[in-house]
């Protein structure tokens, strides 16, 4: 019988022994190759490592000051804790509460007030399916539901990747909100624009690969506006839900509606245009119109795309494709690592399948957290420091970088392009150099 306490992860039915009593539950997850989201790197700055204590409450230290502040503001019950703040003295059973990076955006809703709404500056994106009526009349209800689910999935992902929340699905419309929990105007507007361009890529792929057998080609129109709207949980006292109220959201909807008339795909308002450097974006038409309900003219601008390479957009549009088969990607990567540096095999003494899933979890998490740069560096700091414990040295980083880039290039297949690979190379070079810097600080 082990003299060290045991952590039971209820949802995956796995037990691990916590041999380092100075470490946290999060540290134990990481050392045992259990994917456990921790955007801020385990510093108690975010809430993504949150867990529910199912058994063994008395074997965990009381809430830290950071935890008390967060629990009070977010109205947590006593069973919810931050794994990065929890030290155990005996056996515990826990449940991780945030499983994927895409779930992180939902946490913004915890900052939304109950009752009286609060005015916040947000970017609003309306996306509408074109040809939906024809779709419903020519296909069975089952097929329509299948196509809509795929549409909602592939178009929702770019919203989540860019720190937005999916506000509503209304028939053939998807609505995204950016800046619910704050943020600067230029970031919120650029995030919304990047999401719109990501949606274009997603629909092109959907039409080309998944909808060919249905003889359907989906098109879409997107309208983006920025302004101060009222945000809150509104409704009957026993059934309140998140709501955004005000002219900015109505204006976004009407801008979206102009796409059909103008023959465009993405239109933005003047208020969005003011949110970023115009020399970084390629524009098409600009038209002055009087929108319904307004007594003044509004100028809308057609967006064609970013000038140059937007690294985040390139990574985002290829991530789902790269990780379509996560185990295969990881197996290919580690084969390349061991081929380049056979001595590195000695660093991997545990389950390689679990190690591979940790790799793809980490890669996806990094791409998601690029839209939250305040947490990205803290996460890379923890990665760099933890890799020192595993025996990773400075000489291993070029090996990892080359193996990752070669694996990505092979996995992309027909999707491969010089621009896309340059984006991955730039991003991964920066990421590995940051990790190496933090690792060197620990070694010194």
Foldseek 3Di string as FASTA:
>chain_A
DDPFAWEAAVVVRDIDGDPDLVAFQVVRCVVVLNDADDLQQLPLPAQRRKKFWPDDPVFKDAADPSFVVVCVLLVPDRRIDRRSRIGGDHYTYIYGDHDALLCRLVVLQSNAAADFWDKDKKKKKKKFKPPLVVVPVPDDPVVSVVVQVLLCVQLQLLLSLQSWHFDDDDPRMTMIMFQSNHDALLSRLVSNVLSLVLSVLSLVCCQVPPCVVVVDRIAMAMFMEIDIWTWHFDDDPVDTHTDTDDDRNVVRVQRSVCCVVVVAHYKYWPSSVVSHDPLQWDWDDWDWDATPPGPDITIIIGTDGTPAADLLSLCSSCLCLLCVPQQVLLVQLVVQLCVVPVVCVVLDPDDSSSVSVSVSSVVSNLSSCVSVVSSNLSSLLSVLQVVVVSVDAPVSLVSSLVSNLVSSQVSCVVVDDPSSSVSVSVVSVVSSVSSNVSNVVNVD
